[in-house]
């Protein structure tokens, strides 16, 4: 038997209409027990090893700025590790993403490991799509903790309904985004929603949903793997900021503005055999 399939990563997910409605209303949804322990046990340690191997940061934690205290960030593990690729290309998460977006097919935008070190700082409020030169809001990120994640470990927290808020969409992750977006959320009707994650829970959030996380107050790393999906047919827009240029070159090589994002790095992931 294919060990990838045996681990449950390709078993279609059953996403309810209630979960889809919650995602559309709130800009995020947490799905309890979406993954079994087997794939997490199998792939989690290897993903951690790959993060350690590729981690570019050598500056001590206490000497870093707010952004670099928040997490160790490694992108597109699937391109340097066949084991990580099997996790990222798993159809279970991709089918859930397609269901939440109400689309027939989703493509990979990129994957990203986010490891918050023991004693690591808070992650400022931000929206991911600030970085993405895409013409559509049909984007969704699967946030997959690789361990049980209590509140003191700094799980992701969302501002409910904030995908409708435009204030702060022009801000990168920074002390400024923390201050201005927090003020905007507090003045609006976007309550913070934070919860612990048990082993196997996965959250999905829209590209424009504002989110942040607290510090890791434990003596263990908070290991998280994310996969970012876009609906098939989403197009590249002309870059408007340096971060757009960086994403274009890294994740959509060869695609020209106005064309569908369908490079060799953006395969469709939810088609079942």
Protein backbone atom coordinates (compact mmCIF):
# COMPACT_ATOMS: atom_id res chain seq x y z
CA UNK A 1 0.00 0.00 0.00
CA UNK A 2 1.18 3.53 -0.78
CA UNK A 3 2.38 4.89 2.60
CA UNK A 4 1.24 8.37 1.57
CA UNK A 5 -2.31 7.11 1.13
CA UNK A 6 -2.05 4.88 4.19
CA UNK A 7 -1.24 7.95 6.29
CA UNK A 8 -4.63 9.41 5.41
CA UNK A 9 -3.38 12.46 3.55
CA UNK A 10 -5.31 11.62 0.40
CA UNK A 11 -8.61 10.63 1.98
CA UNK A 12 -11.24 13.19 0.89
CA UNK A 13 -12.42 15.49 3.67
CA UNK A 14 -16.13 15.88 4.35
CA UNK A 15 -16.68 19.60 4.88
CA UNK A 16 -20.17 20.51 6.04
CA UNK A 17 -22.30 23.37 4.80
CA UNK A 18 -22.15 24.78 8.33
CA UNK A 19 -18.35 24.87 8.20
CA UNK A 20 -18.40 26.55 4.79
CA UNK A 21 -20.91 29.13 6.03
CA UNK A 22 -18.75 29.82 9.09
CA UNK A 23 -15.71 30.34 6.88
CA UNK A 24 -17.61 32.74 4.63
CA UNK A 25 -19.03 34.67 7.58
CA UNK A 26 -15.96 34.83 9.82
CA UNK A 27 -13.10 34.60 7.35
CA UNK A 28 -11.77 31.46 9.03
CA UNK A 29 -12.84 28.11 10.39
CA UNK A 30 -11.20 25.59 12.70
CA UNK A 31 -11.89 21.97 11.83
CA UNK A 32 -11.36 19.60 14.72
CA UNK A 33 -9.59 16.32 13.98
CA UNK A 34 -9.24 16.93 10.25
CA UNK A 35 -5.97 15.00 10.28
CA UNK A 36 -5.30 11.83 12.19
CA UNK A 37 -2.21 11.41 14.35
CA UNK A 38 -0.64 9.10 11.76
CA UNK A 39 0.34 11.71 9.13
CA UNK A 40 1.39 14.19 11.80
CA UNK A 41 3.58 11.59 13.49
CA UNK A 42 4.99 10.51 10.15
CA UNK A 43 5.72 13.85 8.52
CA UNK A 44 6.01 16.30 11.41
CA UNK A 45 9.50 15.28 12.58
CA UNK A 46 10.85 15.41 9.03
CA UNK A 47 9.36 18.87 8.46
CA UNK A 48 11.06 20.01 11.68
CA UNK A 49 14.38 18.64 10.48
CA UNK A 50 14.00 20.47 7.18
CA UNK A 51 13.26 23.74 8.98
CA UNK A 52 16.40 23.36 11.08
CA UNK A 53 18.45 22.52 7.99
CA UNK A 54 17.17 25.48 5.95
CA UNK A 55 16.73 28.06 8.71
CA UNK A 56 18.62 31.20 7.59
CA UNK A 57 18.56 32.99 10.97
CA UNK A 58 21.69 32.82 13.12
CA UNK A 59 21.16 35.97 15.24
CA UNK A 60 20.24 35.19 18.89
CA UNK A 61 16.53 35.56 19.65
CA UNK A 62 16.96 38.51 22.02
CA UNK A 63 18.84 40.50 19.35
CA UNK A 64 16.20 40.22 16.62
CA UNK A 65 13.45 42.66 15.64
CA UNK A 66 9.77 41.92 16.28
CA UNK A 67 9.24 40.12 12.97
CA UNK A 68 12.18 37.76 13.41
CA UNK A 69 11.37 37.07 17.06
CA UNK A 70 7.92 35.90 16.01
CA UNK A 71 8.90 32.77 14.08
CA UNK A 72 11.38 30.90 11.96
CA UNK A 73 9.99 30.93 8.41
CA UNK A 74 10.93 28.48 5.67
CA UNK A 75 9.01 28.41 2.38
CA UNK A 76 8.42 25.78 -0.28
CA UNK A 77 9.74 22.82 1.63
CA UNK A 78 8.16 20.70 -1.10
CA UNK A 79 10.90 21.78 -3.50
CA UNK A 80 13.77 20.58 -1.31
CA UNK A 81 12.25 17.55 0.39
CA UNK A 82 10.31 14.69 -1.19
CA UNK A 83 8.87 13.82 2.21
CA UNK A 84 7.59 17.35 2.76
CA UNK A 85 6.23 17.30 -0.79
CA UNK A 86 4.07 14.29 0.02
CA UNK A 87 2.56 16.24 2.92
CA UNK A 88 2.03 19.47 0.97
CA UNK A 89 0.49 17.65 -1.98
CA UNK A 90 -1.92 15.71 0.23
CA UNK A 91 -5.41 15.79 -1.22
CA UNK A 92 -7.28 15.85 2.10
CA UNK A 93 -6.27 19.42 2.94
CA UNK A 94 -6.63 20.51 -0.69
CA UNK A 95 -10.16 19.09 -0.95
CA UNK A 96 -11.12 20.93 2.23
CA UNK A 97 -9.71 24.16 0.78
CA UNK A 98 -11.68 23.74 -2.45
CA UNK A 99 -14.88 23.07 -0.53
CA UNK A 100 -14.44 26.17 1.62
CA UNK A 101 -13.82 28.32 -1.46
CA UNK A 102 -16.73 26.65 -3.31
CA UNK A 103 -14.52 25.98 -6.34
CA UNK A 104 -13.86 22.86 -8.38
CA UNK A 105 -10.07 23.06 -8.31
CA UNK A 106 -7.37 24.66 -6.19
CA UNK A 107 -3.73 25.22 -7.04
CA UNK A 108 -0.74 25.43 -4.77
CA UNK A 109 0.51 28.96 -4.18
CA UNK A 110 3.24 27.88 -1.78
CA UNK A 111 3.88 26.14 1.51
CA UNK A 112 5.44 27.73 4.55
CA UNK A 113 6.71 26.34 7.84
CA UNK A 114 6.30 28.71 10.79
CA UNK A 115 8.16 27.61 13.91
CA UNK A 116 7.84 29.80 17.00
CA UNK A 117 10.87 29.07 19.17
CA UNK A 118 10.67 28.61 22.95
CA UNK A 119 10.46 32.15 24.27
CA UNK A 120 9.61 33.43 20.78
CA UNK A 121 7.69 36.69 20.60
CA UNK A 122 4.20 37.60 19.47
CA UNK A 123 3.25 37.77 15.79
CA UNK A 124 1.79 41.20 14.93
CA UNK A 125 -1.66 41.61 13.41
CA UNK A 126 -1.57 41.33 9.62
CA UNK A 127 -3.30 39.96 6.52
CA UNK A 128 -1.35 37.55 4.32
CA UNK A 129 -2.67 38.83 1.01
CA UNK A 130 -0.72 42.07 1.45
CA UNK A 131 2.19 40.03 0.05
CA UNK A 132 0.35 38.39 -2.85
CA UNK A 133 -0.02 39.96 -6.35
CA UNK A 134 -3.27 38.15 -7.12
CA UNK A 135 -6.50 39.41 -8.67
CA UNK A 136 -8.87 37.38 -6.50
CA UNK A 137 -9.88 36.83 -2.90
CA UNK A 138 -10.33 33.13 -3.64
CA UNK A 139 -7.33 32.25 -1.50
CA UNK A 140 -7.12 30.16 1.66
CA UNK A 141 -4.38 29.05 4.01
CA UNK A 142 -4.39 25.75 5.89
CA UNK A 143 -2.65 26.25 9.27
CA UNK A 144 -1.55 22.84 10.55
CA UNK A 145 -0.01 22.57 14.04
CA UNK A 146 2.39 19.67 14.33
CA UNK A 147 1.69 19.24 18.06
CA UNK A 148 -1.07 19.99 20.52
CA UNK A 149 -0.96 23.77 20.81
CA UNK A 150 -2.20 25.31 24.07
CA UNK A 151 -2.77 29.04 24.45
CA UNK A 152 0.60 29.59 26.11
CA UNK A 153 2.30 28.26 22.97
CA UNK A 154 0.87 31.04 20.79
CA UNK A 155 -1.73 29.50 18.47
CA UNK A 156 -3.07 31.58 15.60
CA UNK A 157 -5.89 33.96 16.58
CA UNK A 158 -8.31 35.61 14.18
CA UNK A 159 -10.39 38.78 14.06
CA UNK A 160 -13.83 37.46 13.25
CA UNK A 161 -15.27 38.98 10.07
CA UNK A 162 -12.16 41.07 9.42
CA UNK A 163 -11.82 39.88 5.83
CA UNK A 164 -14.30 42.71 5.16
CA UNK A 165 -12.06 45.38 6.73
CA UNK A 166 -9.86 47.36 4.33
CA UNK A 167 -7.95 49.37 6.94
CA UNK A 168 -4.47 47.92 7.32
CA UNK A 169 -4.38 45.98 4.07
CA UNK A 170 -1.37 48.05 3.01
CA UNK A 171 0.75 47.08 6.02
CA UNK A 172 3.43 44.42 6.24
CA UNK A 173 4.00 42.48 9.47
CA UNK A 174 5.58 45.00 11.82
CA UNK A 175 5.18 46.95 15.04
CA UNK A 176 3.19 49.46 12.97
CA UNK A 177 0.76 46.82 11.74
CA UNK A 178 0.28 45.63 15.31
CA UNK A 179 -0.58 49.13 16.51
CA UNK A 180 -2.74 50.36 13.62
CA UNK A 181 -4.61 47.15 12.84
CA UNK A 182 -5.29 46.45 16.51
CA UNK A 183 -6.80 49.93 16.84
CA UNK A 184 -8.90 49.40 13.71
CA UNK A 185 -10.19 46.05 14.88
CA UNK A 186 -11.08 47.45 18.29
CA UNK A 187 -13.01 50.34 16.74
CA UNK A 188 -14.96 47.98 14.49
CA UNK A 189 -16.99 44.87 15.13
CA UNK A 190 -14.23 42.32 14.69
CA UNK A 191 -13.82 40.40 17.95
CA UNK A 192 -10.68 38.34 18.50
CA UNK A 193 -11.18 34.59 18.39
CA UNK A 194 -8.43 32.48 19.93
CA UNK A 195 -8.48 28.81 20.90
CA UNK A 196 -6.09 25.99 21.67
CA UNK A 197 -5.52 23.33 19.00
CA UNK A 198 -5.59 19.66 19.80
CA UNK A 199 -3.53 17.21 17.76
CA UNK A 200 -5.11 16.95 14.31
CA UNK A 201 -7.04 20.23 14.38
CA UNK A 202 -6.52 22.44 11.33
CA UNK A 203 -7.64 26.01 10.70
CA UNK A 204 -8.30 27.66 7.35
CA UNK A 205 -8.32 31.41 6.83
CA UNK A 206 -8.88 33.77 3.94
CA UNK A 207 -6.04 35.83 2.53
CA UNK A 208 -7.57 39.07 3.83
CA UNK A 209 -8.53 37.80 7.29
CA UNK A 210 -6.51 39.64 9.93
CA UNK A 211 -4.76 37.37 12.40
CA UNK A 212 -1.92 37.31 14.89
CA UNK A 213 -0.54 35.08 17.63
CA UNK A 214 0.80 35.41 21.13
CA UNK A 215 4.30 34.56 22.29
CA UNK A 216 5.47 31.02 22.93
CA UNK A 217 5.79 30.88 26.70
CA UNK A 218 6.70 27.20 26.80
CA UNK A 219 10.05 25.42 26.58
CA UNK A 220 9.06 23.67 23.34
CA UNK A 221 8.91 25.02 19.79
CA UNK A 222 5.48 25.71 18.32
CA UNK A 223 5.80 23.85 15.03
CA UNK A 224 3.30 24.72 12.30
CA UNK A 225 3.12 23.81 8.62
CA UNK A 226 0.97 25.90 6.31
CA UNK A 227 -0.22 25.35 2.77
CA UNK A 228 -1.60 28.28 0.77
CA UNK A 229 -4.14 27.49 -1.95
CA UNK A 230 -5.60 29.61 -4.73
CA UNK A 231 -8.61 28.85 -6.87
CA UNK A 232 -7.80 27.62 -10.36
CA UNK A 233 -8.13 30.64 -12.65
CA UNK A 234 -6.69 33.27 -10.29
CA UNK A 235 -4.48 35.68 -12.23
CA UNK A 236 -1.24 37.48 -11.49
CA UNK A 237 -1.57 41.26 -11.15
CA UNK A 238 1.09 43.84 -11.89
CA UNK A 239 3.24 44.13 -8.75
CA UNK A 240 2.54 47.23 -6.67
CA UNK A 241 5.19 46.75 -3.98
CA UNK A 242 8.52 45.02 -3.46
CA UNK A 243 6.83 42.13 -1.64
CA UNK A 244 4.75 41.46 -4.79
CA UNK A 245 7.90 41.25 -6.86
CA UNK A 246 9.43 38.80 -4.40
CA UNK A 247 6.37 36.51 -4.45
CA UNK A 248 6.12 36.67 -8.23
CA UNK A 249 9.70 35.52 -8.69
CA UNK A 250 9.57 32.88 -5.95
CA UNK A 251 6.17 31.29 -6.51
CA UNK A 252 4.95 32.12 -10.05
CA UNK A 253 8.03 32.12 -12.31
CA UNK A 254 7.34 32.69 -15.99
CA UNK A 255 3.80 34.00 -15.47
CA UNK A 256 3.16 37.49 -16.83
CA UNK A 257 0.69 39.96 -15.26
CA UNK A 258 -2.87 39.35 -16.41
CA UNK A 259 -2.36 35.63 -16.96
CA UNK A 260 -3.57 32.67 -14.91
CA UNK A 261 -1.22 31.50 -12.17
CA UNK A 262 -0.46 28.03 -13.51
CA UNK A 263 3.33 27.71 -13.52
CA UNK A 264 5.07 24.43 -12.79
CA UNK A 265 5.15 25.54 -9.14
CA UNK A 266 1.34 25.88 -9.00
CA UNK A 267 -0.12 22.41 -9.65
CA UNK A 268 -3.74 21.54 -9.03
CA UNK A 269 -3.81 19.61 -5.76
CA UNK A 270 -7.37 18.42 -5.09
CA UNK A 271 -7.95 16.11 -8.06
CA UNK A 272 -8.59 12.59 -6.81
CA UNK A 273 -7.19 9.56 -8.59
